[in-house]
Every structure is written in C-alpha cells, then in structure tokens.
Amino acid sequence: MKPIFTITEGMLPVSTSYCPGCTHGISHRIVMECLDEAGKLGEAIGVAPIGCSVVSHQFMNVDMLESAHGRAPAVATGIRRVHPDKVIFTYQGDGDLASIGMSEIIHAANRGETFTTFFINNAIYGMTGGQMAPTTLVGQKSTTSPDGRDPGAVGMPMRMSELIASLDGAVYVERVALDTPAHVRQAKKAVAAALEIQEKRLGFTFVEFLSTCPTNWGLTPANALKFVEEKLIPYYPLGVFKTPERKEEAV
C-alpha cells in the first residue's frame, strides 16, 4: 500500500520526553517538515533556551544550541552575524520569552534581526514547576497564583504577537494554535511563510503557537485541548498581525 504519511527526516527516530498531551512534539514536527520540504535541513541552526524545549536538540535533526534562560535571541543574533546565509530560528516558551527574555526578544525584533522565532505560549511555566507566567490568564491558577491571576496585583496577560507587530523591525507576525487538525495545518502554513520571508532577509519573523500544558494545568490531554479553544483563543486571537505587504496595518 502507498503510505499516506511519512515522518520527516527532520525529526530524529526517537520518542519525545514531553508529557502526554503536550503539543511541543507537534510544533517540532511542523518546523522540521517545513525545513525538510524546503530542502533546508542541512542549512538550519536552531537555538533553544531553558524550559521544556531545552531538550529539543534530542528530537530535531538540525544543528541546535542551548542558550541561557531568555537569551536565545542574543545567541541567534550572533549566529546570524557569523553565518549570514543560514536558516536560523529560536524556539522559546512563554516564561522564557515573555519574562526573563523580554528585553532580548524586543530588541531583536526592533533591530529587524533576520531570524525566525517560534514562540510556544501555554500560559504557564512548564519545566520549572507550573508558576504563573506573563501569559497566564486572569483567574488562571498556578503554583504561584493558587487563587488565580489577579490583574490588580500583577497586571494583565501579555499579548506578545501584538507587541512584536508594533515594532518596525518585525515584518511577519502570526498567532496559530495546535488544538485541532485544521489549526495544525494553518500553523504549518505560518511556519513555511515565516521561513520563506526569512530567506528574503526582510526583517524579523515571529510565529506564536497556542499550546497545551496538561500537567501544570491539572487537566487531561483532551480537556487541555478544550482549554486552548475555550480560554486561550478568546484572549489570544488567531491570525496574521503583520506581513511585509501590509506593515502599516500592524496592531
């Protein structure tokens, strides 16, 4: 029989170590499929900082570097200076990118650095124990907000795509989700578009994935997918916030 699906050579032939129901594996596969289909696996260099994704080099079949917490954009900037012709990306979680690494990502985007950031937003710190992240929703419980996030005390959740899109150096910004097959297909289109624009060296490209964290949310994998649909997407609307053709429409 003719196979209907073939695993990309971009993923190493091992099982991932992520929790059941975590969608890191889906985003890994999407990124690697796009690089594979573009014939760029041998030209790609990825940077993963501290967080659940720090082990992504064990699964992604491309050159990968680990960076200090939040510093992946700075490391990627240095790599770009040394390797102007490579495909370069960072793969970062929300606690990493929107908290300790906020200054790094903002200035990289504002400078128009020509690498791509894949931002995994699961609204919580995953690896370090389920603490409240800058993206944790109002009322959402965590180990450091057991009564739910209080905006009067800690402010509102950060909408990173909208913030990045407001910077002149960013040329492509899209938010996608990984909760349904249709959304996964759209996520792959966004990744392919970001990498294609990166090849043109027009500026900074950014794709945000609304992802799951069943373990730290205290939900089953199935209910975690519903949480994305019913809670995350209403606050973090999906869509393209900026493209090279309509930069003036950025939020």
C-alpha atoms as a PDB file:
ATOM      1  CA  MET A   1       0.000   0.000   0.000  1.00  0.00           C
ATOM      2  CA  LYS A   2       1.114   3.538  -0.687  1.00  0.00           C
ATOM      3  CA  PRO A   3       1.917   5.316   2.604  1.00  0.00           C
ATOM      4  CA  ILE A   4      -0.299   8.271   3.418  1.00  0.00           C
ATOM      5  CA  PHE A   5       2.209   9.797   5.823  1.00  0.00           C
ATOM      6  CA  THR A   6       5.986   9.669   6.031  1.00  0.00           C
ATOM      7  CA  ILE A   7       7.864  11.001   9.035  1.00  0.00           C
ATOM      8  CA  THR A   8      10.138  13.871   8.080  1.00  0.00           C
ATOM      9  CA  GLU A   9      13.879  13.316   8.194  1.00  0.00           C
ATOM     10  CA  GLY A  10      13.934  16.477  10.276  1.00  0.00           C
ATOM     11  CA  MET A  11      12.788  14.501  13.310  1.00  0.00           C
ATOM     12  CA  LEU A  12      15.201  12.002  14.812  1.00  0.00           C
ATOM     13  CA  PRO A  13      13.831   8.430  15.147  1.00  0.00           C
ATOM     14  CA  VAL A  14      13.238   8.634  18.916  1.00  0.00           C
ATOM     15  CA  SER A  15      10.237   9.181  21.183  1.00  0.00           C
ATOM     16  CA  THR A  16       9.935  12.632  22.736  1.00  0.00           C
ATOM     17  CA  SER A  17      10.092  13.027  26.501  1.00  0.00           C
ATOM     18  CA  TYR A  18       7.239  15.515  26.772  1.00  0.00           C
ATOM     19  CA  CYS A  19       4.202  14.897  28.951  1.00  0.00           C
ATOM     20  CA  PRO A  20       1.174  13.122  27.414  1.00  0.00           C
ATOM     21  CA  GLY A  21      -0.958  15.701  25.645  1.00  0.00           C
ATOM     22  CA  CYS A  22       1.816  18.289  25.336  1.00  0.00           C
ATOM     23  CA  THR A  23       1.893  19.806  21.867  1.00  0.00           C
ATOM     24  CA  HIS A  24       5.621  20.554  21.777  1.00  0.00           C
ATOM     25  CA  GLY A  25       6.037  17.458  19.626  1.00  0.00           C
ATOM     26  CA  ILE A  26       3.548  18.766  17.074  1.00  0.00           C
ATOM     27  CA  SER A  27       5.290  22.116  16.778  1.00  0.00           C
ATOM     28  CA  HIS A  28       8.665  20.355  16.493  1.00  0.00           C
ATOM     29  CA  ARG A  29       7.378  18.255  13.618  1.00  0.00           C
ATOM     30  CA  ILE A  30       5.805  21.220  11.834  1.00  0.00           C
ATOM     31  CA  VAL A  31       9.033  23.237  11.917  1.00  0.00           C
ATOM     32  CA  MET A  32      11.125  20.279  10.773  1.00  0.00           C
ATOM     33  CA  GLU A  33       8.679  19.368   7.996  1.00  0.00           C
ATOM     34  CA  CYS A  34       8.847  22.895   6.613  1.00  0.00           C
ATOM     35  CA  LEU A  35      12.646  22.892   6.660  1.00  0.00           C
ATOM     36  CA  ASP A  36      12.719  19.433   5.078  1.00  0.00           C
ATOM     37  CA  GLU A  37      10.265  20.351   2.322  1.00  0.00           C
ATOM     38  CA  ALA A  38      12.262  23.480   1.565  1.00  0.00           C
ATOM     39  CA  GLY A  39      15.486  21.444   1.362  1.00  0.00           C
ATOM     40  CA  LYS A  40      16.980  23.453   4.244  1.00  0.00           C
ATOM     41  CA  LEU A  41      17.659  20.849   6.950  1.00  0.00           C
ATOM     42  CA  GLY A  42      21.383  20.971   6.294  1.00  0.00           C
ATOM     43  CA  GLU A  43      21.404  24.770   6.454  1.00  0.00           C
ATOM     44  CA  ALA A  44      19.364  25.291   9.617  1.00  0.00           C
ATOM     45  CA  ILE A  45      20.632  26.304  13.046  1.00  0.00           C
ATOM     46  CA  GLY A  46      18.224  26.416  15.980  1.00  0.00           C
ATOM     47  CA  VAL A  47      18.584  27.881  19.474  1.00  0.00           C
ATOM     48  CA  ALA A  48      16.583  26.569  22.435  1.00  0.00           C
ATOM     49  CA  PRO A  49      16.946  28.142  25.889  1.00  0.00           C
ATOM     50  CA  ILE A  50      15.958  26.851  29.333  1.00  0.00           C
ATOM     51  CA  GLY A  51      12.464  25.406  29.504  1.00  0.00           C
ATOM     52  CA  CYS A  52      10.738  22.241  28.349  1.00  0.00           C
ATOM     53  CA  SER A  53      12.146  22.865  24.869  1.00  0.00           C
ATOM     54  CA  VAL A  54      15.772  22.841  26.065  1.00  0.00           C
ATOM     55  CA  VAL A  55      15.879  19.157  25.069  1.00  0.00           C
ATOM     56  CA  SER A  56      14.635  19.799  21.534  1.00  0.00           C
ATOM     57  CA  HIS A  57      18.096  19.057  20.156  1.00  0.00           C
ATOM     58  CA  GLN A  58      17.386  15.431  21.077  1.00  0.00           C
ATOM     59  CA  PHE A  59      14.496  15.375  18.603  1.00  0.00           C
ATOM     60  CA  MET A  60      15.225  17.919  15.854  1.00  0.00           C
ATOM     61  CA  ASN A  61      17.633  16.679  13.202  1.00  0.00           C
ATOM     62  CA  VAL A  62      19.376  20.019  12.633  1.00  0.00           C
ATOM     63  CA  ASP A  63      22.238  21.864  14.298  1.00  0.00           C
ATOM     64  CA  MET A  64      20.988  23.105  17.673  1.00  0.00           C
ATOM     65  CA  LEU A  65      22.428  25.161  20.507  1.00  0.00           C
ATOM     66  CA  GLU A  66      21.285  25.604  24.082  1.00  0.00           C
ATOM     67  CA  SER A  67      21.304  29.127  25.491  1.00  0.00           C
ATOM     68  CA  ALA A  68      20.887  30.671  28.913  1.00  0.00           C
ATOM     69  CA  HIS A  69      17.328  31.354  30.047  1.00  0.00           C
ATOM     70  CA  GLY A  70      15.783  34.025  27.825  1.00  0.00           C
ATOM     71  CA  ARG A  71      18.932  34.648  25.814  1.00  0.00           C
ATOM     72  CA  ALA A  72      18.141  32.714  22.634  1.00  0.00           C
ATOM     73  CA  PRO A  73      17.576  35.905  20.560  1.00  0.00           C
ATOM     74  CA  ALA A  74      21.007  37.231  21.567  1.00  0.00           C
ATOM     75  CA  VAL A  75      22.653  33.924  20.641  1.00  0.00           C
ATOM     76  CA  ALA A  76      20.737  33.798  17.343  1.00  0.00           C
ATOM     77  CA  THR A  77      21.863  37.353  16.590  1.00  0.00           C
ATOM     78  CA  GLY A  78      25.483  36.282  16.997  1.00  0.00           C
ATOM     79  CA  ILE A  79      24.963  33.221  14.826  1.00  0.00           C
ATOM     80  CA  ARG A  80      23.447  35.398  12.101  1.00  0.00           C
ATOM     81  CA  ARG A  81      26.499  37.640  12.130  1.00  0.00           C
ATOM     82  CA  VAL A  82      28.784  34.644  11.651  1.00  0.00           C
ATOM     83  CA  HIS A  83      26.538  32.702   9.268  1.00  0.00           C
ATOM     84  CA  PRO A  84      24.699  35.212   7.069  1.00  0.00           C
ATOM     85  CA  ASP A  85      23.422  32.528   4.675  1.00  0.00           C
ATOM     86  CA  LYS A  86      21.997  30.004   7.157  1.00  0.00           C
ATOM     87  CA  VAL A  87      18.391  29.445   8.213  1.00  0.00           C
ATOM     88  CA  ILE A  88      18.301  30.470  11.876  1.00  0.00           C
ATOM     89  CA  PHE A  89      15.498  30.113  14.389  1.00  0.00           C
ATOM     90  CA  THR A  90      14.851  30.308  18.102  1.00  0.00           C
ATOM     91  CA  TYR A  91      12.337  28.015  19.805  1.00  0.00           C
ATOM     92  CA  GLN A  92      11.115  29.562  23.067  1.00  0.00           C
ATOM     93  CA  GLY A  93       8.430  29.154  25.698  1.00  0.00           C
ATOM     94  CA  ASP A  94       6.351  31.921  27.204  1.00  0.00           C
ATOM     95  CA  GLY A  95       8.047  32.014  30.606  1.00  0.00           C
ATOM     96  CA  ASP A  96      11.376  32.285  28.803  1.00  0.00           C
ATOM     97  CA  LEU A  97      10.489  34.754  26.053  1.00  0.00           C
ATOM     98  CA  ALA A  98       7.925  36.984  27.762  1.00  0.00           C
ATOM     99  CA  SER A  99       9.610  37.226  31.156  1.00  0.00           C
ATOM    100  CA  ILE A 100      13.357  36.830  31.654  1.00  0.00           C
ATOM    101  CA  GLY A 101      13.945  37.157  27.905  1.00  0.00           C
ATOM    102  CA  MET A 102      11.598  40.065  27.224  1.00  0.00           C
ATOM    103  CA  SER A 103      14.358  42.593  26.574  1.00  0.00           C
ATOM    104  CA  GLU A 104      16.174  40.173  24.281  1.00  0.00           C
ATOM    105  CA  ILE A 105      13.180  39.468  22.041  1.00  0.00           C
ATOM    106  CA  ILE A 106      12.014  43.082  21.926  1.00  0.00           C
ATOM    107  CA  HIS A 107      15.374  44.463  20.854  1.00  0.00           C
ATOM    108  CA  ALA A 108      15.999  41.644  18.353  1.00  0.00           C
ATOM    109  CA  ALA A 109      12.623  42.352  16.758  1.00  0.00           C
ATOM    110  CA  ASN A 110      13.164  46.113  16.835  1.00  0.00           C
ATOM    111  CA  ARG A 111      16.560  45.725  15.144  1.00  0.00           C
ATOM    112  CA  GLY A 112      14.915  43.645  12.442  1.00  0.00           C
ATOM    113  CA  GLU A 113      17.163  40.649  13.020  1.00  0.00           C
ATOM    114  CA  THR A 114      16.682  38.238  10.147  1.00  0.00           C
ATOM    115  CA  PHE A 115      15.957  35.066  12.061  1.00  0.00           C
ATOM    116  CA  THR A 116      12.640  33.467  12.992  1.00  0.00           C
ATOM    117  CA  THR A 117      11.284  32.965  16.495  1.00  0.00           C
ATOM    118  CA  PHE A 118       8.847  30.156  17.228  1.00  0.00           C
ATOM    119  CA  PHE A 119       7.059  31.107  20.434  1.00  0.00           C
ATOM    120  CA  ILE A 120       5.274  28.375  22.403  1.00  0.00           C
ATOM    121  CA  ASN A 121       2.575  30.004  24.533  1.00  0.00           C
ATOM    122  CA  ASN A 122       0.994  27.587  27.006  1.00  0.00           C
ATOM    123  CA  ALA A 123       0.235  30.317  29.563  1.00  0.00           C
ATOM    124  CA  ILE A 124       2.420  28.860  32.304  1.00  0.00           C
ATOM    125  CA  TYR A 125       5.971  27.955  33.288  1.00  0.00           C
ATOM    126  CA  GLY A 126       6.277  24.289  32.349  1.00  0.00           C
ATOM    127  CA  MET A 127       9.637  22.820  33.257  1.00  0.00           C
ATOM    128  CA  THR A 128      10.239  24.791  36.451  1.00  0.00           C
ATOM    129  CA  GLY A 129       7.084  23.868  38.324  1.00  0.00           C
ATOM    130  CA  GLY A 130       3.919  25.446  36.958  1.00  0.00           C
ATOM    131  CA  GLN A 131       4.430  29.019  38.134  1.00  0.00           C
ATOM    132  CA  MET A 132       2.432  31.943  36.788  1.00  0.00           C
ATOM    133  CA  ALA A 133       3.889  33.271  33.534  1.00  0.00           C
ATOM    134  CA  PRO A 134       3.420  36.696  31.924  1.00  0.00           C
ATOM    135  CA  THR A 135       0.880  34.976  29.653  1.00  0.00           C
ATOM    136  CA  THR A 136      -1.155  33.255  32.410  1.00  0.00           C
ATOM    137  CA  LEU A 137      -4.822  34.181  32.023  1.00  0.00           C
ATOM    138  CA  VAL A 138      -6.795  36.251  34.516  1.00  0.00           C
ATOM    139  CA  GLY A 139      -8.139  33.885  37.160  1.00  0.00           C
ATOM    140  CA  GLN A 140      -5.954  31.005  35.985  1.00  0.00           C
ATOM    141  CA  LYS A 141      -4.432  29.096  38.892  1.00  0.00           C
ATOM    142  CA  SER A 142      -0.763  28.207  39.125  1.00  0.00           C
ATOM    143  CA  THR A 143       1.694  27.262  41.848  1.00  0.00           C
ATOM    144  CA  THR A 144       2.435  30.957  42.436  1.00  0.00           C
ATOM    145  CA  SER A 145      -1.161  32.129  41.922  1.00  0.00           C
ATOM    146  CA  PRO A 146      -3.179  29.472  43.771  1.00  0.00           C
ATOM    147  CA  ASP A 147      -6.232  31.738  43.861  1.00  0.00           C
ATOM    148  CA  GLY A 148      -5.892  32.672  40.192  1.00  0.00           C
ATOM    149  CA  ARG A 149      -4.082  35.506  38.454  1.00  0.00           C
ATOM    150  CA  ASP A 150      -5.060  38.866  39.942  1.00  0.00           C
ATOM    151  CA  PRO A 151      -4.611  41.659  37.349  1.00  0.00           C
ATOM    152  CA  GLY A 152      -4.769  44.264  40.088  1.00  0.00           C
ATOM    153  CA  ALA A 153      -1.603  42.844  41.602  1.00  0.00           C
ATOM    154  CA  VAL A 154       0.351  41.579  38.588  1.00  0.00           C
ATOM    155  CA  GLY A 155      -1.229  43.188  35.541  1.00  0.00           C
ATOM    156  CA  MET A 156      -2.913  41.674  32.523  1.00  0.00           C
ATOM    157  CA  PRO A 157      -1.547  38.749  30.483  1.00  0.00           C
ATOM    158  CA  MET A 158       0.958  39.825  27.828  1.00  0.00           C
ATOM    159  CA  ARG A 159      -0.124  39.569  24.182  1.00  0.00           C
ATOM    160  CA  MET A 160       3.265  39.074  22.601  1.00  0.00           C
ATOM    161  CA  SER A 161       2.248  38.889  18.930  1.00  0.00           C
ATOM    162  CA  GLU A 162       0.521  42.242  19.135  1.00  0.00           C
ATOM    163  CA  LEU A 163       3.524  43.737  20.926  1.00  0.00           C
ATOM    164  CA  ILE A 164       6.055  42.358  18.429  1.00  0.00           C
ATOM    165  CA  ALA A 165       3.918  43.500  15.486  1.00  0.00           C
ATOM    166  CA  SER A 166       4.110  47.102  16.719  1.00  0.00           C
ATOM    167  CA  LEU A 167       7.888  47.178  16.170  1.00  0.00           C
ATOM    168  CA  ASP A 168       9.240  48.449  12.864  1.00  0.00           C
ATOM    169  CA  GLY A 169      11.847  45.715  12.531  1.00  0.00           C
ATOM    170  CA  ALA A 170       9.254  42.921  12.614  1.00  0.00           C
ATOM    171  CA  VAL A 171       7.940  42.050   9.163  1.00  0.00           C
ATOM    172  CA  TYR A 172       5.896  38.893   9.741  1.00  0.00           C
ATOM    173  CA  VAL A 173       3.902  38.042  12.874  1.00  0.00           C
ATOM    174  CA  GLU A 174       1.213  35.360  13.150  1.00  0.00           C
ATOM    175  CA  ARG A 175      -0.524  33.565  16.013  1.00  0.00           C
ATOM    176  CA  VAL A 176      -1.697  29.993  15.463  1.00  0.00           C
ATOM    177  CA  ALA A 177      -2.992  27.162  17.660  1.00  0.00           C
ATOM    178  CA  LEU A 178      -2.341  23.441  17.940  1.00  0.00           C
ATOM    179  CA  ASP A 179      -5.692  22.237  19.278  1.00  0.00           C
ATOM    180  CA  THR A 180      -7.342  20.899  16.102  1.00  0.00           C
ATOM    181  CA  PRO A 181      -6.161  19.353  12.813  1.00  0.00           C
ATOM    182  CA  ALA A 182      -7.331  22.454  10.930  1.00  0.00           C
ATOM    183  CA  HIS A 183      -5.349  24.721  13.229  1.00  0.00           C
ATOM    184  CA  VAL A 184      -2.280  22.499  12.914  1.00  0.00           C
ATOM    185  CA  ARG A 185      -2.479  22.799   9.121  1.00  0.00           C
ATOM    186  CA  GLN A 186      -2.678  26.588   9.434  1.00  0.00           C
ATOM    187  CA  ALA A 187       0.251  26.550  11.840  1.00  0.00           C
ATOM    188  CA  LYS A 188       2.361  24.754   9.247  1.00  0.00           C
ATOM    189  CA  LYS A 189       1.456  27.384   6.641  1.00  0.00           C
ATOM    190  CA  ALA A 190       2.553  30.106   9.068  1.00  0.00           C
ATOM    191  CA  VAL A 191       5.896  28.400   9.712  1.00  0.00           C
ATOM    192  CA  ALA A 192       6.516  27.980   5.977  1.00  0.00           C
ATOM    193  CA  ALA A 193       5.666  31.642   5.362  1.00  0.00           C
ATOM    194  CA  ALA A 194       7.976  32.841   8.124  1.00  0.00           C
ATOM    195  CA  LEU A 195      10.887  30.781   6.808  1.00  0.00           C
ATOM    196  CA  GLU A 196      10.269  31.948   3.250  1.00  0.00           C
ATOM    197  CA  ILE A 197      10.293  35.581   4.357  1.00  0.00           C
ATOM    198  CA  GLN A 198      13.443  34.955   6.407  1.00  0.00           C
ATOM    199  CA  GLU A 199      15.168  33.772   3.240  1.00  0.00           C
ATOM    200  CA  LYS A 200      14.496  37.192   1.716  1.00  0.00           C
ATOM    201  CA  ARG A 201      16.191  38.888   4.726  1.00  0.00           C
ATOM    202  CA  LEU A 202      13.418  41.456   5.091  1.00  0.00           C
ATOM    203  CA  GLY A 203      13.414  41.584   8.875  1.00  0.00           C
ATOM    204  CA  PHE A 204      12.274  39.740  11.973  1.00  0.00           C
ATOM    205  CA  THR A 205       9.715  36.934  11.690  1.00  0.00           C
ATOM    206  CA  PHE A 206       7.635  35.569  14.575  1.00  0.00           C
ATOM    207  CA  VAL A 207       5.138  32.715  14.898  1.00  0.00           C
ATOM    208  CA  GLU A 208       3.254  32.198  18.157  1.00  0.00           C
ATOM    209  CA  PHE A 209       1.760  28.759  18.895  1.00  0.00           C
ATOM    210  CA  LEU A 210      -1.046  28.460  21.436  1.00  0.00           C
ATOM    211  CA  SER A 211      -0.037  25.203  23.055  1.00  0.00           C
ATOM    212  CA  THR A 212      -1.079  22.875  25.878  1.00  0.00           C
ATOM    213  CA  CYS A 213       0.411  22.012  29.266  1.00  0.00           C
ATOM    214  CA  PRO A 214      -1.928  19.335  30.701  1.00  0.00           C
ATOM    215  CA  THR A 215       0.361  18.519  33.627  1.00  0.00           C
ATOM    216  CA  ASN A 216       0.656  22.035  35.028  1.00  0.00           C
ATOM    217  CA  TRP A 217      -2.908  22.955  34.093  1.00  0.00           C
ATOM    218  CA  GLY A 218      -4.123  19.917  36.023  1.00  0.00           C
ATOM    219  CA  LEU A 219      -6.173  18.722  33.047  1.00  0.00           C
ATOM    220  CA  THR A 220      -6.422  15.600  30.923  1.00  0.00           C
ATOM    221  CA  PRO A 221      -4.945  15.892  27.412  1.00  0.00           C
ATOM    222  CA  ALA A 222      -8.450  16.082  25.904  1.00  0.00           C
ATOM    223  CA  ASN A 223      -9.582  18.800  28.309  1.00  0.00           C
ATOM    224  CA  ALA A 224      -6.341  20.701  27.735  1.00  0.00           C
ATOM    225  CA  LEU A 225      -7.251  20.970  24.049  1.00  0.00           C
ATOM    226  CA  LYS A 226     -10.646  22.346  25.085  1.00  0.00           C
ATOM    227  CA  PHE A 227      -8.869  24.875  27.323  1.00  0.00           C
ATOM    228  CA  VAL A 228      -6.981  26.166  24.291  1.00  0.00           C
ATOM    229  CA  GLU A 229     -10.230  26.524  22.359  1.00  0.00           C
ATOM    230  CA  GLU A 230     -12.393  27.942  25.122  1.00  0.00           C
ATOM    231  CA  LYS A 231      -9.933  30.035  27.140  1.00  0.00           C
ATOM    232  CA  LEU A 232      -6.697  30.810  25.288  1.00  0.00           C
ATOM    233  CA  ILE A 233      -8.016  31.623  21.817  1.00  0.00           C
ATOM    234  CA  PRO A 234     -10.654  34.133  23.034  1.00  0.00           C
ATOM    235  CA  TYR A 235      -7.943  36.141  24.811  1.00  0.00           C
ATOM    236  CA  TYR A 236      -5.209  35.456  22.257  1.00  0.00           C
ATOM    237  CA  PRO A 237      -6.989  35.729  18.889  1.00  0.00           C
ATOM    238  CA  LEU A 238      -5.524  33.799  15.999  1.00  0.00           C
ATOM    239  CA  GLY A 239      -4.408  35.427  12.778  1.00  0.00           C
ATOM    240  CA  VAL A 240      -1.768  37.364  10.899  1.00  0.00           C
ATOM    241  CA  PHE A 241      -0.797  40.569  12.660  1.00  0.00           C
ATOM    242  CA  LYS A 242       1.833  41.733  10.208  1.00  0.00           C
ATOM    243  CA  THR A 243       3.188  40.831   6.779  1.00  0.00           C
ATOM    244  CA  PRO A 244       5.767  42.565   4.561  1.00  0.00           C
ATOM    245  CA  GLU A 245       2.931  43.651   2.263  1.00  0.00           C
ATOM    246  CA  ARG A 246       0.913  45.375   4.984  1.00  0.00           C
ATOM    247  CA  LYS A 247       3.302  46.527   7.689  1.00  0.00           C
ATOM    248  CA  GLU A 248       1.278  49.706   8.103  1.00  0.00           C
ATOM    249  CA  GLU A 249      -1.644  47.637   9.393  1.00  0.00           C
ATOM    250  CA  ALA A 250       0.283  46.299  12.385  1.00  0.00           C
ATOM    251  CA  VAL A 251      -1.574  46.395  15.648  1.00  0.00           C
END
